[in-house]
Protein backbone atom coordinates (compact mmCIF):
# COMPACT_ATOMS: atom_id res chain seq x y z
CA MET A 1 150.02 -79.21 -69.90
CA ALA A 2 153.01 -77.14 -69.70
CA ARG A 3 152.85 -73.58 -68.14
CA LEU A 4 154.26 -70.54 -69.46
CA PRO A 5 157.34 -69.40 -67.08
CA ASP A 6 156.13 -66.49 -64.77
CA GLU A 7 158.94 -64.17 -66.10
CA VAL A 8 157.32 -64.67 -69.51
CA VAL A 9 153.69 -63.90 -68.34
CA ALA A 10 155.14 -61.06 -66.30
CA ALA A 11 156.92 -59.53 -69.41
CA ILE A 12 153.56 -60.05 -71.46
CA GLY A 13 151.91 -58.18 -68.84
CA ARG A 14 154.20 -55.28 -68.79
CA ILE A 15 153.94 -55.21 -72.73
CA THR A 16 150.17 -54.95 -72.35
CA ILE A 17 150.31 -52.12 -69.81
CA ALA A 18 152.89 -50.05 -71.76
CA ALA A 19 151.00 -50.57 -75.06
CA GLY A 20 147.74 -49.30 -73.29
CA ASP A 21 149.43 -46.29 -71.91
CA LEU A 22 150.91 -45.54 -75.65
CA GLU A 23 147.39 -46.19 -77.19
CA LEU A 24 145.97 -43.78 -74.62
CA ILE A 25 148.18 -40.81 -75.56
CA LEU A 26 147.74 -41.51 -79.34
CA ALA A 27 143.91 -41.51 -78.82
CA TRP A 28 144.20 -38.23 -76.88
CA ILE A 29 146.22 -36.55 -79.69
CA GLY A 30 143.79 -37.83 -82.30
CA ALA A 31 140.67 -36.98 -80.35
CA ASP A 32 141.63 -33.77 -78.63
CA GLN A 33 142.88 -32.18 -81.90
CA ALA A 34 139.88 -33.23 -83.69
CA GLY A 35 137.34 -32.22 -81.01
CA GLY A 36 136.37 -35.84 -79.86
CA ASN A 37 136.51 -38.08 -77.00
CA ALA A 38 139.67 -40.02 -76.59
CA PHE A 39 137.90 -42.86 -74.81
CA GLU A 40 135.82 -43.21 -77.91
CA VAL A 41 138.90 -43.37 -80.09
CA LEU A 42 140.26 -45.86 -77.65
CA ALA A 43 137.63 -48.28 -77.98
CA ARG A 44 138.08 -49.10 -81.59
CA PRO A 45 140.92 -51.20 -82.38
CA GLY A 46 143.64 -49.52 -84.29
CA GLU A 47 141.84 -46.33 -84.18
CA PRO A 48 144.46 -44.40 -82.04
CA VAL A 49 147.04 -44.61 -84.49
CA ARG A 50 144.90 -43.71 -87.35
CA ALA A 51 143.38 -40.77 -85.35
CA ALA A 52 146.79 -39.55 -84.33
CA ARG A 53 148.05 -39.81 -87.77
CA GLY A 54 145.11 -37.81 -89.09
CA SER A 55 145.26 -35.08 -86.32
CA VAL A 56 149.00 -34.31 -86.42
CA GLU A 57 148.72 -33.36 -90.11
CA PHE A 58 146.70 -30.26 -88.62
CA ALA A 59 149.64 -29.31 -86.15
CA THR A 60 151.96 -26.68 -86.82
CA PRO A 61 155.10 -27.71 -88.83
CA GLU A 62 157.25 -27.72 -86.05
CA TYR A 63 154.99 -29.97 -83.99
CA ARG A 64 154.06 -32.12 -87.06
CA GLN A 65 157.65 -32.80 -87.82
CA ALA A 66 158.17 -33.88 -84.04
CA TYR A 67 154.75 -35.86 -84.21
CA LEU A 68 154.98 -37.74 -87.33
CA PRO A 69 158.17 -39.98 -86.83
CA VAL A 70 157.15 -41.01 -83.14
CA VAL A 71 153.64 -41.80 -84.25
CA GLU A 72 154.99 -44.08 -87.03
CA ILE A 73 157.40 -45.78 -84.45
CA ALA A 74 154.44 -46.19 -82.04
CA ALA A 75 152.40 -47.81 -84.88
CA LYS A 76 155.31 -50.45 -85.52
CA LEU A 77 155.80 -51.04 -81.68
CA LEU A 78 152.05 -51.66 -81.42
CA ALA A 79 152.14 -54.14 -84.27
CA LYS A 80 154.71 -56.03 -82.53
CA ARG A 81 152.98 -56.02 -79.33
CA HIS A 82 149.75 -57.52 -81.29
CA ALA A 83 152.08 -60.02 -82.68
CA VAL A 84 153.19 -61.18 -79.25
CA VAL A 85 150.06 -61.02 -77.76
CA SER A 86 147.96 -62.86 -80.40
CA ALA A 87 150.83 -65.33 -81.23
CA MET A 88 150.08 -69.06 -80.60
CA TRP A 89 152.62 -69.96 -77.67
CA VAL A 90 154.28 -73.36 -78.56
CA SER A 91 156.23 -75.67 -76.26
CA GLU A 92 157.08 -79.04 -77.73
CA ALA A 93 158.88 -80.20 -74.51
CA PRO A 94 157.48 -83.44 -73.29
CA ASP A 95 157.62 -81.98 -69.74
CA GLU A 96 157.99 -79.09 -67.78
CA SER A 97 161.57 -79.69 -67.03
CA VAL A 98 162.70 -78.10 -70.15
CA GLN A 99 161.13 -74.60 -70.40
CA ARG A 100 161.62 -73.90 -74.26
CA TRP A 101 158.61 -71.79 -75.65
CA GLU A 102 158.31 -70.31 -79.02
CA LEU A 103 155.92 -67.91 -80.51
CA LEU A 104 154.07 -69.01 -83.61
CA ASP A 105 153.14 -65.83 -85.62
CA ASP A 106 149.26 -66.20 -86.52
CA LYS A 107 149.92 -64.88 -89.93
CA SER A 108 153.37 -65.82 -91.30
CA TYR A 109 153.35 -69.24 -89.24
CA VAL A 110 156.98 -68.42 -88.40
CA ARG A 111 158.40 -69.42 -84.86
CA GLN A 112 160.36 -67.29 -82.70
CA LEU A 113 162.12 -68.44 -79.56
CA VAL A 114 160.72 -66.48 -76.26
CA ASP A 115 163.11 -64.32 -74.51
CA PRO A 116 161.71 -62.44 -71.57
CA ARG A 117 164.52 -59.86 -72.11
CA ALA A 118 163.34 -59.22 -75.76
CA LEU A 119 160.02 -58.91 -74.37
CA ASP A 120 160.90 -56.31 -71.73
CA GLU A 121 162.75 -54.48 -74.47
CA LEU A 122 159.60 -54.10 -76.42
CA SER A 123 158.08 -52.82 -73.18
CA ARG A 124 160.86 -50.12 -72.69
CA GLN A 125 160.16 -48.99 -76.33
CA LEU A 126 156.56 -48.60 -75.95
CA LEU A 127 157.24 -46.48 -72.84
CA GLU A 128 159.83 -44.52 -74.50
CA ALA A 129 157.53 -43.59 -77.38
CA ARG A 130 154.77 -42.77 -74.95
CA ASN A 131 157.16 -40.57 -72.96
CA ARG A 132 158.33 -38.83 -76.10
CA LEU A 133 154.60 -38.25 -77.14
CA VAL A 134 153.72 -36.92 -73.75
CA ALA A 135 156.72 -34.38 -74.07
CA ILE A 136 155.60 -33.13 -77.39
CA VAL A 137 151.92 -32.70 -76.27
CA THR A 138 153.16 -30.95 -73.01
CA ALA A 139 155.13 -28.68 -75.10
CA GLN A 140 152.52 -27.91 -77.48
CA LEU A 141 149.88 -27.17 -74.77
CA ASN A 142 152.34 -24.85 -73.06
CA ASN A 143 153.31 -23.21 -76.25
CA ASP A 144 157.04 -24.20 -75.91
CA PRO A 145 159.37 -25.35 -78.35
CA VAL A 146 159.31 -29.03 -79.32
CA PRO A 147 161.70 -30.68 -76.86
CA ALA A 148 164.89 -32.07 -78.05
CA HIS A 149 165.02 -35.76 -78.21
C-alpha cells in the first residue's frame, strides 16, 4: 500500500491545528457573549460557527460589521478543512515510485489533485481569519475602535 507523502501529511496536520485555533476563538466569541462555556461550544461539531454567528448579532453595530464577514469567511474555510480531512485519499499508482494522490470528495465524488502548497495556503487562510477575529475581540474587550484590516 502506498503512503501519503510526508509533506502532505504535515500540511494536513497544519490545517488541523490552524482550524482548531480558529474554532476555539469562534467558540469563545459565541460562548462568552452568551454567558456560556467556550469548551462546551467547542465540543459540538459545527457549533463554534453557529454560536459565533448568533453572538455577533448582539454586538454593537461597529463590532458586528467587523465580525460578520470574518465569521462567514471562517465558516467557508472550515468547510474546506472538513472536505480535506474527511476526503478519501486515492492513488492509482501501481507502486510508490509515482506519488500522484487525489482527494475524492465524500459528497460530490469529484477528484482533486493533492498539492501541498494549496494545503498550506488553506492553513495560512485559517490562521489569518483567526488572527483577524482575535484582533476584533481584543479591541472590543479594551473598548478600542475596530482595527483596520
